[in-house]
């Protein structure tokens, strides 16, 4: 999923998504 986030080219989206996924780890 991190590769997909990075492929979007949207750094803000990547920054938002990472902690959301971690909270569900």
PDBML (XML) file of the C-alpha atoms, coordinates in Angstrom:
<?xml version="1.0" encoding="UTF-8" ?>
<PDBx:datablock datablockName="MODEL"
   xmlns:PDBx="http://pdbml.pdb.org/schema/pdbx-v50.xsd"
   xmlns:xsi="http://www.w3.org/2001/XMLSchema-instance"
   xsi:schemaLocation="http://pdbml.pdb.org/schema/pdbx-v50.xsd pdbx-v50.xsd">
   <PDBx:atom_siteCategory>
      <PDBx:atom_site id="1">
         <PDBx:B_iso_or_equiv>0.00</PDBx:B_iso_or_equiv>
         <PDBx:Cartn_x>0.000</PDBx:Cartn_x>
         <PDBx:Cartn_y>0.000</PDBx:Cartn_y>
         <PDBx:Cartn_z>0.000</PDBx:Cartn_z>
         <PDBx:auth_asym_id>A</PDBx:auth_asym_id>
         <PDBx:auth_atom_id>CA</PDBx:auth_atom_id>
         <PDBx:auth_comp_id>UNK</PDBx:auth_comp_id>
         <PDBx:auth_seq_id>1</PDBx:auth_seq_id>
         <PDBx:group_PDB>ATOM</PDBx:group_PDB>
         <PDBx:label_alt_id xsi:nil="true" />
         <PDBx:label_asym_id>A</PDBx:label_asym_id>
         <PDBx:label_atom_id>CA</PDBx:label_atom_id>
         <PDBx:label_comp_id>UNK</PDBx:label_comp_id>
         <PDBx:label_entity_id>1</PDBx:label_entity_id>
         <PDBx:label_seq_id>1</PDBx:label_seq_id>
         <PDBx:occupancy>1.00</PDBx:occupancy>
         <PDBx:pdbx_PDB_model_num>1</PDBx:pdbx_PDB_model_num>
         <PDBx:type_symbol>C</PDBx:type_symbol>
      </PDBx:atom_site>
      <PDBx:atom_site id="2">
         <PDBx:B_iso_or_equiv>0.00</PDBx:B_iso_or_equiv>
         <PDBx:Cartn_x>2.887</PDBx:Cartn_x>
         <PDBx:Cartn_y>2.380</PDBx:Cartn_y>
         <PDBx:Cartn_z>0.690</PDBx:Cartn_z>
         <PDBx:auth_asym_id>A</PDBx:auth_asym_id>
         <PDBx:auth_atom_id>CA</PDBx:auth_atom_id>
         <PDBx:auth_comp_id>UNK</PDBx:auth_comp_id>
         <PDBx:auth_seq_id>2</PDBx:auth_seq_id>
         <PDBx:group_PDB>ATOM</PDBx:group_PDB>
         <PDBx:label_alt_id xsi:nil="true" />
         <PDBx:label_asym_id>A</PDBx:label_asym_id>
         <PDBx:label_atom_id>CA</PDBx:label_atom_id>
         <PDBx:label_comp_id>UNK</PDBx:label_comp_id>
         <PDBx:label_entity_id>1</PDBx:label_entity_id>
         <PDBx:label_seq_id>2</PDBx:label_seq_id>
         <PDBx:occupancy>1.00</PDBx:occupancy>
         <PDBx:pdbx_PDB_model_num>1</PDBx:pdbx_PDB_model_num>
         <PDBx:type_symbol>C</PDBx:type_symbol>
      </PDBx:atom_site>
      <PDBx:atom_site id="3">
         <PDBx:B_iso_or_equiv>0.00</PDBx:B_iso_or_equiv>
         <PDBx:Cartn_x>4.090</PDBx:Cartn_x>
         <PDBx:Cartn_y>1.877</PDBx:Cartn_y>
         <PDBx:Cartn_z>-2.880</PDBx:Cartn_z>
         <PDBx:auth_asym_id>A</PDBx:auth_asym_id>
         <PDBx:auth_atom_id>CA</PDBx:auth_atom_id>
         <PDBx:auth_comp_id>UNK</PDBx:auth_comp_id>
         <PDBx:auth_seq_id>3</PDBx:auth_seq_id>
         <PDBx:group_PDB>ATOM</PDBx:group_PDB>
         <PDBx:label_alt_id xsi:nil="true" />
         <PDBx:label_asym_id>A</PDBx:label_asym_id>
         <PDBx:label_atom_id>CA</PDBx:label_atom_id>
         <PDBx:label_comp_id>UNK</PDBx:label_comp_id>
         <PDBx:label_entity_id>1</PDBx:label_entity_id>
         <PDBx:label_seq_id>3</PDBx:label_seq_id>
         <PDBx:occupancy>1.00</PDBx:occupancy>
         <PDBx:pdbx_PDB_model_num>1</PDBx:pdbx_PDB_model_num>
         <PDBx:type_symbol>C</PDBx:type_symbol>
      </PDBx:atom_site>
      <PDBx:atom_site id="4">
         <PDBx:B_iso_or_equiv>0.00</PDBx:B_iso_or_equiv>
         <PDBx:Cartn_x>0.637</PDBx:Cartn_x>
         <PDBx:Cartn_y>2.841</PDBx:Cartn_y>
         <PDBx:Cartn_z>-4.134</PDBx:Cartn_z>
         <PDBx:auth_asym_id>A</PDBx:auth_asym_id>
         <PDBx:auth_atom_id>CA</PDBx:auth_atom_id>
         <PDBx:auth_comp_id>UNK</PDBx:auth_comp_id>
         <PDBx:auth_seq_id>4</PDBx:auth_seq_id>
         <PDBx:group_PDB>ATOM</PDBx:group_PDB>
         <PDBx:label_alt_id xsi:nil="true" />
         <PDBx:label_asym_id>A</PDBx:label_asym_id>
         <PDBx:label_atom_id>CA</PDBx:label_atom_id>
         <PDBx:label_comp_id>UNK</PDBx:label_comp_id>
         <PDBx:label_entity_id>1</PDBx:label_entity_id>
         <PDBx:label_seq_id>4</PDBx:label_seq_id>
         <PDBx:occupancy>1.00</PDBx:occupancy>
         <PDBx:pdbx_PDB_model_num>1</PDBx:pdbx_PDB_model_num>
         <PDBx:type_symbol>C</PDBx:type_symbol>
      </PDBx:atom_site>
      <PDBx:atom_site id="5">
         <PDBx:B_iso_or_equiv>0.00</PDBx:B_iso_or_equiv>
         <PDBx:Cartn_x>0.650</PDBx:Cartn_x>
         <PDBx:Cartn_y>5.988</PDBx:Cartn_y>
         <PDBx:Cartn_z>-1.966</PDBx:Cartn_z>
         <PDBx:auth_asym_id>A</PDBx:auth_asym_id>
         <PDBx:auth_atom_id>CA</PDBx:auth_atom_id>
         <PDBx:auth_comp_id>UNK</PDBx:auth_comp_id>
         <PDBx:auth_seq_id>5</PDBx:auth_seq_id>
         <PDBx:group_PDB>ATOM</PDBx:group_PDB>
         <PDBx:label_alt_id xsi:nil="true" />
         <PDBx:label_asym_id>A</PDBx:label_asym_id>
         <PDBx:label_atom_id>CA</PDBx:label_atom_id>
         <PDBx:label_comp_id>UNK</PDBx:label_comp_id>
         <PDBx:label_entity_id>1</PDBx:label_entity_id>
         <PDBx:label_seq_id>5</PDBx:label_seq_id>
         <PDBx:occupancy>1.00</PDBx:occupancy>
         <PDBx:pdbx_PDB_model_num>1</PDBx:pdbx_PDB_model_num>
         <PDBx:type_symbol>C</PDBx:type_symbol>
      </PDBx:atom_site>
      <PDBx:atom_site id="6">
         <PDBx:B_iso_or_equiv>0.00</PDBx:B_iso_or_equiv>
         <PDBx:Cartn_x>4.104</PDBx:Cartn_x>
         <PDBx:Cartn_y>6.942</PDBx:Cartn_y>
         <PDBx:Cartn_z>-3.208</PDBx:Cartn_z>
         <PDBx:auth_asym_id>A</PDBx:auth_asym_id>
         <PDBx:auth_atom_id>CA</PDBx:auth_atom_id>
         <PDBx:auth_comp_id>UNK</PDBx:auth_comp_id>
         <PDBx:auth_seq_id>6</PDBx:auth_seq_id>
         <PDBx:group_PDB>ATOM</PDBx:group_PDB>
         <PDBx:label_alt_id xsi:nil="true" />
         <PDBx:label_asym_id>A</PDBx:label_asym_id>
         <PDBx:label_atom_id>CA</PDBx:label_atom_id>
         <PDBx:label_comp_id>UNK</PDBx:label_comp_id>
         <PDBx:label_entity_id>1</PDBx:label_entity_id>
         <PDBx:label_seq_id>6</PDBx:label_seq_id>
         <PDBx:occupancy>1.00</PDBx:occupancy>
         <PDBx:pdbx_PDB_model_num>1</PDBx:pdbx_PDB_model_num>
         <PDBx:type_symbol>C</PDBx:type_symbol>
      </PDBx:atom_site>
      <PDBx:atom_site id="7">
         <PDBx:B_iso_or_equiv>0.00</PDBx:B_iso_or_equiv>
         <PDBx:Cartn_x>3.089</PDBx:Cartn_x>
         <PDBx:Cartn_y>6.347</PDBx:Cartn_y>
         <PDBx:Cartn_z>-6.834</PDBx:Cartn_z>
         <PDBx:auth_asym_id>A</PDBx:auth_asym_id>
         <PDBx:auth_atom_id>CA</PDBx:auth_atom_id>
         <PDBx:auth_comp_id>UNK</PDBx:auth_comp_id>
         <PDBx:auth_seq_id>7</PDBx:auth_seq_id>
         <PDBx:group_PDB>ATOM</PDBx:group_PDB>
         <PDBx:label_alt_id xsi:nil="true" />
         <PDBx:label_asym_id>A</PDBx:label_asym_id>
         <PDBx:label_atom_id>CA</PDBx:label_atom_id>
         <PDBx:label_comp_id>UNK</PDBx:label_comp_id>
         <PDBx:label_entity_id>1</PDBx:label_entity_id>
         <PDBx:label_seq_id>7</PDBx:label_seq_id>
         <PDBx:occupancy>1.00</PDBx:occupancy>
         <PDBx:pdbx_PDB_model_num>1</PDBx:pdbx_PDB_model_num>
         <PDBx:type_symbol>C</PDBx:type_symbol>
      </PDBx:atom_site>
      <PDBx:atom_site id="8">
         <PDBx:B_iso_or_equiv>0.00</PDBx:B_iso_or_equiv>
         <PDBx:Cartn_x>0.364</PDBx:Cartn_x>
         <PDBx:Cartn_y>9.002</PDBx:Cartn_y>
         <PDBx:Cartn_z>-6.548</PDBx:Cartn_z>
         <PDBx:auth_asym_id>A</PDBx:auth_asym_id>
         <PDBx:auth_atom_id>CA</PDBx:auth_atom_id>
         <PDBx:auth_comp_id>UNK</PDBx:auth_comp_id>
         <PDBx:auth_seq_id>8</PDBx:auth_seq_id>
         <PDBx:group_PDB>ATOM</PDBx:group_PDB>
         <PDBx:label_alt_id xsi:nil="true" />
         <PDBx:label_asym_id>A</PDBx:label_asym_id>
         <PDBx:label_atom_id>CA</PDBx:label_atom_id>
         <PDBx:label_comp_id>UNK</PDBx:label_comp_id>
         <PDBx:label_entity_id>1</PDBx:label_entity_id>
         <PDBx:label_seq_id>8</PDBx:label_seq_id>
         <PDBx:occupancy>1.00</PDBx:occupancy>
         <PDBx:pdbx_PDB_model_num>1</PDBx:pdbx_PDB_model_num>
         <PDBx:type_symbol>C</PDBx:type_symbol>
      </PDBx:atom_site>
      <PDBx:atom_site id="9">
         <PDBx:B_iso_or_equiv>0.00</PDBx:B_iso_or_equiv>
         <PDBx:Cartn_x>2.993</PDBx:Cartn_x>
         <PDBx:Cartn_y>11.741</PDBx:Cartn_y>
         <PDBx:Cartn_z>-6.352</PDBx:Cartn_z>
         <PDBx:auth_asym_id>A</PDBx:auth_asym_id>
         <PDBx:auth_atom_id>CA</PDBx:auth_atom_id>
         <PDBx:auth_comp_id>UNK</PDBx:auth_comp_id>
         <PDBx:auth_seq_id>9</PDBx:auth_seq_id>
         <PDBx:group_PDB>ATOM</PDBx:group_PDB>
         <PDBx:label_alt_id xsi:nil="true" />
         <PDBx:label_asym_id>A</PDBx:label_asym_id>
         <PDBx:label_atom_id>CA</PDBx:label_atom_id>
         <PDBx:label_comp_id>UNK</PDBx:label_comp_id>
         <PDBx:label_entity_id>1</PDBx:label_entity_id>
         <PDBx:label_seq_id>9</PDBx:label_seq_id>
         <PDBx:occupancy>1.00</PDBx:occupancy>
         <PDBx:pdbx_PDB_model_num>1</PDBx:pdbx_PDB_model_num>
         <PDBx:type_symbol>C</PDBx:type_symbol>
      </PDBx:atom_site>
      <PDBx:atom_site id="10">
         <PDBx:B_iso_or_equiv>0.00</PDBx:B_iso_or_equiv>
         <PDBx:Cartn_x>0.861</PDBx:Cartn_x>
         <PDBx:Cartn_y>13.344</PDBx:Cartn_y>
         <PDBx:Cartn_z>-3.631</PDBx:Cartn_z>
         <PDBx:auth_asym_id>A</PDBx:auth_asym_id>
         <PDBx:auth_atom_id>CA</PDBx:auth_atom_id>
         <PDBx:auth_comp_id>UNK</PDBx:auth_comp_id>
         <PDBx:auth_seq_id>10</PDBx:auth_seq_id>
         <PDBx:group_PDB>ATOM</PDBx:group_PDB>
         <PDBx:label_alt_id xsi:nil="true" />
         <PDBx:label_asym_id>A</PDBx:label_asym_id>
         <PDBx:label_atom_id>CA</PDBx:label_atom_id>
         <PDBx:label_comp_id>UNK</PDBx:label_comp_id>
         <PDBx:label_entity_id>1</PDBx:label_entity_id>
         <PDBx:label_seq_id>10</PDBx:label_seq_id>
         <PDBx:occupancy>1.00</PDBx:occupancy>
         <PDBx:pdbx_PDB_model_num>1</PDBx:pdbx_PDB_model_num>
         <PDBx:type_symbol>C</PDBx:type_symbol>
      </PDBx:atom_site>
      <PDBx:atom_site id="11">
         <PDBx:B_iso_or_equiv>0.00</PDBx:B_iso_or_equiv>
         <PDBx:Cartn_x>3.107</PDBx:Cartn_x>
         <PDBx:Cartn_y>13.799</PDBx:Cartn_y>
         <PDBx:Cartn_z>-0.600</PDBx:Cartn_z>
         <PDBx:auth_asym_id>A</PDBx:auth_asym_id>
         <PDBx:auth_atom_id>CA</PDBx:auth_atom_id>
         <PDBx:auth_comp_id>UNK</PDBx:auth_comp_id>
         <PDBx:auth_seq_id>11</PDBx:auth_seq_id>
         <PDBx:group_PDB>ATOM</PDBx:group_PDB>
         <PDBx:label_alt_id xsi:nil="true" />
         <PDBx:label_asym_id>A</PDBx:label_asym_id>
         <PDBx:label_atom_id>CA</PDBx:label_atom_id>
         <PDBx:label_comp_id>UNK</PDBx:label_comp_id>
         <PDBx:label_entity_id>1</PDBx:label_entity_id>
         <PDBx:label_seq_id>11</PDBx:label_seq_id>
         <PDBx:occupancy>1.00</PDBx:occupancy>
         <PDBx:pdbx_PDB_model_num>1</PDBx:pdbx_PDB_model_num>
         <PDBx:type_symbol>C</PDBx:type_symbol>
      </PDBx:atom_site>
      <PDBx:atom_site id="12">
         <PDBx:B_iso_or_equiv>0.00</PDBx:B_iso_or_equiv>
         <PDBx:Cartn_x>0.280</PDBx:Cartn_x>
         <PDBx:Cartn_y>15.112</PDBx:Cartn_y>
         <PDBx:Cartn_z>1.560</PDBx:Cartn_z>
         <PDBx:auth_asym_id>A</PDBx:auth_asym_id>
         <PDBx:auth_atom_id>CA</PDBx:auth_atom_id>
         <PDBx:auth_comp_id>UNK</PDBx:auth_comp_id>
         <PDBx:auth_seq_id>12</PDBx:auth_seq_id>
         <PDBx:group_PDB>ATOM</PDBx:group_PDB>
         <PDBx:label_alt_id xsi:nil="true" />
         <PDBx:label_asym_id>A</PDBx:label_asym_id>
         <PDBx:label_atom_id>CA</PDBx:label_atom_id>
         <PDBx:label_comp_id>UNK</PDBx:label_comp_id>
         <PDBx:label_entity_id>1</PDBx:label_entity_id>
         <PDBx:label_seq_id>12</PDBx:label_seq_id>
         <PDBx:occupancy>1.00</PDBx:occupancy>
         <PDBx:pdbx_PDB_model_num>1</PDBx:pdbx_PDB_model_num>
         <PDBx:type_symbol>C</PDBx:type_symbol>
      </PDBx:atom_site>
      <PDBx:atom_site id="13">
         <PDBx:B_iso_or_equiv>0.00</PDBx:B_iso_or_equiv>
         <PDBx:Cartn_x>-1.820</PDBx:Cartn_x>
         <PDBx:Cartn_y>12.014</PDBx:Cartn_y>
         <PDBx:Cartn_z>0.924</PDBx:Cartn_z>
         <PDBx:auth_asym_id>A</PDBx:auth_asym_id>
         <PDBx:auth_atom_id>CA</PDBx:auth_atom_id>
         <PDBx:auth_comp_id>UNK</PDBx:auth_comp_id>
         <PDBx:auth_seq_id>13</PDBx:auth_seq_id>
         <PDBx:group_PDB>ATOM</PDBx:group_PDB>
         <PDBx:label_alt_id xsi:nil="true" />
         <PDBx:label_asym_id>A</PDBx:label_asym_id>
         <PDBx:label_atom_id>CA</PDBx:label_atom_id>
         <PDBx:label_comp_id>UNK</PDBx:label_comp_id>
         <PDBx:label_entity_id>1</PDBx:label_entity_id>
         <PDBx:label_seq_id>13</PDBx:label_seq_id>
         <PDBx:occupancy>1.00</PDBx:occupancy>
         <PDBx:pdbx_PDB_model_num>1</PDBx:pdbx_PDB_model_num>
         <PDBx:type_symbol>C</PDBx:type_symbol>
      </PDBx:atom_site>
      <PDBx:atom_site id="14">
         <PDBx:B_iso_or_equiv>0.00</PDBx:B_iso_or_equiv>
         <PDBx:Cartn_x>1.143</PDBx:Cartn_x>
         <PDBx:Cartn_y>9.817</PDBx:Cartn_y>
         <PDBx:Cartn_z>1.841</PDBx:Cartn_z>
         <PDBx:auth_asym_id>A</PDBx:auth_asym_id>
         <PDBx:auth_atom_id>CA</PDBx:auth_atom_id>
         <PDBx:auth_comp_id>UNK</PDBx:auth_comp_id>
         <PDBx:auth_seq_id>14</PDBx:auth_seq_id>
         <PDBx:group_PDB>ATOM</PDBx:group_PDB>
         <PDBx:label_alt_id xsi:nil="true" />
         <PDBx:label_asym_id>A</PDBx:label_asym_id>
         <PDBx:label_atom_id>CA</PDBx:label_atom_id>
         <PDBx:label_comp_id>UNK</PDBx:label_comp_id>
         <PDBx:label_entity_id>1</PDBx:label_entity_id>
         <PDBx:label_seq_id>14</PDBx:label_seq_id>
         <PDBx:occupancy>1.00</PDBx:occupancy>
         <PDBx:pdbx_PDB_model_num>1</PDBx:pdbx_PDB_model_num>
         <PDBx:type_symbol>C</PDBx:type_symbol>
      </PDBx:atom_site>
      <PDBx:atom_site id="15">
         <PDBx:B_iso_or_equiv>0.00</PDBx:B_iso_or_equiv>
         <PDBx:Cartn_x>1.669</PDBx:Cartn_x>
         <PDBx:Cartn_y>11.760</PDBx:Cartn_y>
         <PDBx:Cartn_z>5.085</PDBx:Cartn_z>
         <PDBx:auth_asym_id>A</PDBx:auth_asym_id>
         <PDBx:auth_atom_id>CA</PDBx:auth_atom_id>
         <PDBx:auth_comp_id>UNK</PDBx:auth_comp_id>
         <PDBx:auth_seq_id>15</PDBx:auth_seq_id>
         <PDBx:group_PDB>ATOM</PDBx:group_PDB>
         <PDBx:label_alt_id xsi:nil="true" />
         <PDBx:label_asym_id>A</PDBx:label_asym_id>
         <PDBx:label_atom_id>CA</PDBx:label_atom_id>
         <PDBx:label_comp_id>UNK</PDBx:label_comp_id>
         <PDBx:label_entity_id>1</PDBx:label_entity_id>
         <PDBx:label_seq_id>15</PDBx:label_seq_id>
         <PDBx:occupancy>1.00</PDBx:occupancy>
         <PDBx:pdbx_PDB_model_num>1</PDBx:pdbx_PDB_model_num>
         <PDBx:type_symbol>C</PDBx:type_symbol>
      </PDBx:atom_site>
      <PDBx:atom_site id="16">
         <PDBx:B_iso_or_equiv>0.00</PDBx:B_iso_or_equiv>
         <PDBx:Cartn_x>-2.009</PDBx:Cartn_x>
         <PDBx:Cartn_y>11.465</PDBx:Cartn_y>
         <PDBx:Cartn_z>6.021</PDBx:Cartn_z>
         <PDBx:auth_asym_id>A</PDBx:auth_asym_id>
         <PDBx:auth_atom_id>CA</PDBx:auth_atom_id>
         <PDBx:auth_comp_id>UNK</PDBx:auth_comp_id>
         <PDBx:auth_seq_id>16</PDBx:auth_seq_id>
         <PDBx:group_PDB>ATOM</PDBx:group_PDB>
         <PDBx:label_alt_id xsi:nil="true" />
         <PDBx:label_asym_id>A</PDBx:label_asym_id>
         <PDBx:label_atom_id>CA</PDBx:label_atom_id>
         <PDBx:label_comp_id>UNK</PDBx:label_comp_id>
         <PDBx:label_entity_id>1</PDBx:label_entity_id>
         <PDBx:label_seq_id>16</PDBx:label_seq_id>
         <PDBx:occupancy>1.00</PDBx:occupancy>
         <PDBx:pdbx_PDB_model_num>1</PDBx:pdbx_PDB_model_num>
         <PDBx:type_symbol>C</PDBx:type_symbol>
      </PDBx:atom_site>
      <PDBx:atom_site id="17">
         <PDBx:B_iso_or_equiv>0.00</PDBx:B_iso_or_equiv>
         <PDBx:Cartn_x>-2.367</PDBx:Cartn_x>
         <PDBx:Cartn_y>7.778</PDBx:Cartn_y>
         <PDBx:Cartn_z>5.203</PDBx:Cartn_z>
         <PDBx:auth_asym_id>A</PDBx:auth_asym_id>
         <PDBx:auth_atom_id>CA</PDBx:auth_atom_id>
         <PDBx:auth_comp_id>UNK</PDBx:auth_comp_id>
         <PDBx:auth_seq_id>17</PDBx:auth_seq_id>
         <PDBx:group_PDB>ATOM</PDBx:group_PDB>
         <PDBx:label_alt_id xsi:nil="true" />
         <PDBx:label_asym_id>A</PDBx:label_asym_id>
         <PDBx:label_atom_id>CA</PDBx:label_atom_id>
         <PDBx:label_comp_id>UNK</PDBx:label_comp_id>
         <PDBx:label_entity_id>1</PDBx:label_entity_id>
         <PDBx:label_seq_id>17</PDBx:label_seq_id>
         <PDBx:occupancy>1.00</PDBx:occupancy>
         <PDBx:pdbx_PDB_model_num>1</PDBx:pdbx_PDB_model_num>
         <PDBx:type_symbol>C</PDBx:type_symbol>
      </PDBx:atom_site>
      <PDBx:atom_site id="18">
         <PDBx:B_iso_or_equiv>0.00</PDBx:B_iso_or_equiv>
         <PDBx:Cartn_x>0.665</PDBx:Cartn_x>
         <PDBx:Cartn_y>6.438</PDBx:Cartn_y>
         <PDBx:Cartn_z>7.071</PDBx:Cartn_z>
         <PDBx:auth_asym_id>A</PDBx:auth_asym_id>
         <PDBx:auth_atom_id>CA</PDBx:auth_atom_id>
         <PDBx:auth_comp_id>UNK</PDBx:auth_comp_id>
         <PDBx:auth_seq_id>18</PDBx:auth_seq_id>
         <PDBx:group_PDB>ATOM</PDBx:group_PDB>
         <PDBx:label_alt_id xsi:nil="true" />
         <PDBx:label_asym_id>A</PDBx:label_asym_id>
         <PDBx:label_atom_id>CA</PDBx:label_atom_id>
         <PDBx:label_comp_id>UNK</PDBx:label_comp_id>
         <PDBx:label_entity_id>1</PDBx:label_entity_id>
         <PDBx:label_seq_id>18</PDBx:label_seq_id>
         <PDBx:occupancy>1.00</PDBx:occupancy>
         <PDBx:pdbx_PDB_model_num>1</PDBx:pdbx_PDB_model_num>
         <PDBx:type_symbol>C</PDBx:type_symbol>
      </PDBx:atom_site>
      <PDBx:atom_site id="19">
         <PDBx:B_iso_or_equiv>0.00</PDBx:B_iso_or_equiv>
         <PDBx:Cartn_x>-0.542</PDBx:Cartn_x>
         <PDBx:Cartn_y>7.198</PDBx:Cartn_y>
         <PDBx:Cartn_z>10.638</PDBx:Cartn_z>
         <PDBx:auth_asym_id>A</PDBx:auth_asym_id>
         <PDBx:auth_atom_id>CA</PDBx:auth_atom_id>
         <PDBx:auth_comp_id>UNK</PDBx:auth_comp_id>
         <PDBx:auth_seq_id>19</PDBx:auth_seq_id>
         <PDBx:group_PDB>ATOM</PDBx:group_PDB>
         <PDBx:label_alt_id xsi:nil="true" />
         <PDBx:label_asym_id>A</PDBx:label_asym_id>
         <PDBx:label_atom_id>CA</PDBx:label_atom_id>
         <PDBx:label_comp_id>UNK</PDBx:label_comp_id>
         <PDBx:label_entity_id>1</PDBx:label_entity_id>
         <PDBx:label_seq_id>19</PDBx:label_seq_id>
         <PDBx:occupancy>1.00</PDBx:occupancy>
         <PDBx:pdbx_PDB_model_num>1</PDBx:pdbx_PDB_model_num>
         <PDBx:type_symbol>C</PDBx:type_symbol>
      </PDBx:atom_site>
      <PDBx:atom_site id="20">
         <PDBx:B_iso_or_equiv>0.00</PDBx:B_iso_or_equiv>
         <PDBx:Cartn_x>-4.067</PDBx:Cartn_x>
         <PDBx:Cartn_y>6.039</PDBx:Cartn_y>
         <PDBx:Cartn_z>9.787</PDBx:Cartn_z>
         <PDBx:auth_asym_id>A</PDBx:auth_asym_id>
         <PDBx:auth_atom_id>CA</PDBx:auth_atom_id>
         <PDBx:auth_comp_id>UNK</PDBx:auth_comp_id>
         <PDBx:auth_seq_id>20</PDBx:auth_seq_id>
         <PDBx:group_PDB>ATOM</PDBx:group_PDB>
         <PDBx:label_alt_id xsi:nil="true" />
         <PDBx:label_asym_id>A</PDBx:label_asym_id>
         <PDBx:label_atom_id>CA</PDBx:label_atom_id>
         <PDBx:label_comp_id>UNK</PDBx:label_comp_id>
         <PDBx:label_entity_id>1</PDBx:label_entity_id>
         <PDBx:label_seq_id>20</PDBx:label_seq_id>
         <PDBx:occupancy>1.00</PDBx:occupancy>
         <PDBx:pdbx_PDB_model_num>1</PDBx:pdbx_PDB_model_num>
         <PDBx:type_symbol>C</PDBx:type_symbol>
      </PDBx:atom_site>
      <PDBx:atom_site id="21">
         <PDBx:B_iso_or_equiv>0.00</PDBx:B_iso_or_equiv>
         <PDBx:Cartn_x>-2.767</PDBx:Cartn_x>
         <PDBx:Cartn_y>2.627</PDBx:Cartn_y>
         <PDBx:Cartn_z>8.750</PDBx:Cartn_z>
         <PDBx:auth_asym_id>A</PDBx:auth_asym_id>
         <PDBx:auth_atom_id>CA</PDBx:auth_atom_id>
         <PDBx:auth_comp_id>UNK</PDBx:auth_comp_id>
         <PDBx:auth_seq_id>21</PDBx:auth_seq_id>
         <PDBx:group_PDB>ATOM</PDBx:group_PDB>
         <PDBx:label_alt_id xsi:nil="true" />
         <PDBx:label_asym_id>A</PDBx:label_asym_id>
         <PDBx:label_atom_id>CA</PDBx:label_atom_id>
         <PDBx:label_comp_id>UNK</PDBx:label_comp_id>
         <PDBx:label_entity_id>1</PDBx:label_entity_id>
         <PDBx:label_seq_id>21</PDBx:label_seq_id>
         <PDBx:occupancy>1.00</PDBx:occupancy>
         <PDBx:pdbx_PDB_model_num>1</PDBx:pdbx_PDB_model_num>
         <PDBx:type_symbol>C</PDBx:type_symbol>
      </PDBx:atom_site>
      <PDBx:atom_site id="22">
         <PDBx:B_iso_or_equiv>0.00</PDBx:B_iso_or_equiv>
         <PDBx:Cartn_x>-0.489</PDBx:Cartn_x>
         <PDBx:Cartn_y>2.437</PDBx:Cartn_y>
         <PDBx:Cartn_z>11.778</PDBx:Cartn_z>
         <PDBx:auth_asym_id>A</PDBx:auth_asym_id>
         <PDBx:auth_atom_id>CA</PDBx:auth_atom_id>
         <PDBx:auth_comp_id>UNK</PDBx:auth_comp_id>
         <PDBx:auth_seq_id>22</PDBx:auth_seq_id>
         <PDBx:group_PDB>ATOM</PDBx:group_PDB>
         <PDBx:label_alt_id xsi:nil="true" />
         <PDBx:label_asym_id>A</PDBx:label_asym_id>
         <PDBx:label_atom_id>CA</PDBx:label_atom_id>
         <PDBx:label_comp_id>UNK</PDBx:label_comp_id>
         <PDBx:label_entity_id>1</PDBx:label_entity_id>
         <PDBx:label_seq_id>22</PDBx:label_seq_id>
         <PDBx:occupancy>1.00</PDBx:occupancy>
         <PDBx:pdbx_PDB_model_num>1</PDBx:pdbx_PDB_model_num>
         <PDBx:type_symbol>C</PDBx:type_symbol>
      </PDBx:atom_site>
      <PDBx:atom_site id="23">
         <PDBx:B_iso_or_equiv>0.00</PDBx:B_iso_or_equiv>
         <PDBx:Cartn_x>-3.405</PDBx:Cartn_x>
         <PDBx:Cartn_y>2.997</PDBx:Cartn_y>
         <PDBx:Cartn_z>14.145</PDBx:Cartn_z>
         <PDBx:auth_asym_id>A</PDBx:auth_asym_id>
         <PDBx:auth_atom_id>CA</PDBx:auth_atom_id>
         <PDBx:auth_comp_id>UNK</PDBx:auth_comp_id>
         <PDBx:auth_seq_id>23</PDBx:auth_seq_id>
         <PDBx:group_PDB>ATOM</PDBx:group_PDB>
         <PDBx:label_alt_id xsi:nil="true" />
         <PDBx:label_asym_id>A</PDBx:label_asym_id>
         <PDBx:label_atom_id>CA</PDBx:label_atom_id>
         <PDBx:label_comp_id>UNK</PDBx:label_comp_id>
         <PDBx:label_entity_id>1</PDBx:label_entity_id>
         <PDBx:label_seq_id>23</PDBx:label_seq_id>
         <PDBx:occupancy>1.00</PDBx:occupancy>
         <PDBx:pdbx_PDB_model_num>1</PDBx:pdbx_PDB_model_num>
         <PDBx:type_symbol>C</PDBx:type_symbol>
      </PDBx:atom_site>
      <PDBx:atom_site id="24">
         <PDBx:B_iso_or_equiv>0.00</PDBx:B_iso_or_equiv>
         <PDBx:Cartn_x>-4.982</PDBx:Cartn_x>
         <PDBx:Cartn_y>-0.181</PDBx:Cartn_y>
         <PDBx:Cartn_z>12.758</PDBx:Cartn_z>
         <PDBx:auth_asym_id>A</PDBx:auth_asym_id>
         <PDBx:auth_atom_id>CA</PDBx:auth_atom_id>
         <PDBx:auth_comp_id>UNK</PDBx:auth_comp_id>
         <PDBx:auth_seq_id>24</PDBx:auth_seq_id>
         <PDBx:group_PDB>ATOM</PDBx:group_PDB>
         <PDBx:label_alt_id xsi:nil="true" />
         <PDBx:label_asym_id>A</PDBx:label_asym_id>
         <PDBx:label_atom_id>CA</PDBx:label_atom_id>
         <PDBx:label_comp_id>UNK</PDBx:label_comp_id>
         <PDBx:label_entity_id>1</PDBx:label_entity_id>
         <PDBx:label_seq_id>24</PDBx:label_seq_id>
         <PDBx:occupancy>1.00</PDBx:occupancy>
         <PDBx:pdbx_PDB_model_num>1</PDBx:pdbx_PDB_model_num>
         <PDBx:type_symbol>C</PDBx:type_symbol>
      </PDBx:atom_site>
      <PDBx:atom_site id="25">
         <PDBx:B_iso_or_equiv>0.00</PDBx:B_iso_or_equiv>
         <PDBx:Cartn_x>-1.782</PDBx:Cartn_x>
         <PDBx:Cartn_y>-2.228</PDBx:Cartn_y>
         <PDBx:Cartn_z>12.772</PDBx:Cartn_z>
         <PDBx:auth_asym_id>A</PDBx:auth_asym_id>
         <PDBx:auth_atom_id>CA</PDBx:auth_atom_id>
         <PDBx:auth_comp_id>UNK</PDBx:auth_comp_id>
         <PDBx:auth_seq_id>25</PDBx:auth_seq_id>
         <PDBx:group_PDB>ATOM</PDBx:group_PDB>
         <PDBx:label_alt_id xsi:nil="true" />
         <PDBx:label_asym_id>A</PDBx:label_asym_id>
         <PDBx:label_atom_id>CA</PDBx:label_atom_id>
         <PDBx:label_comp_id>UNK</PDBx:label_comp_id>
         <PDBx:label_entity_id>1</PDBx:label_entity_id>
         <PDBx:label_seq_id>25</PDBx:label_seq_id>
         <PDBx:occupancy>1.00</PDBx:occupancy>
         <PDBx:pdbx_PDB_model_num>1</PDBx:pdbx_PDB_model_num>
         <PDBx:type_symbol>C</PDBx:type_symbol>
      </PDBx:atom_site>
   </PDBx:atom_siteCategory>
</PDBx:datablock>
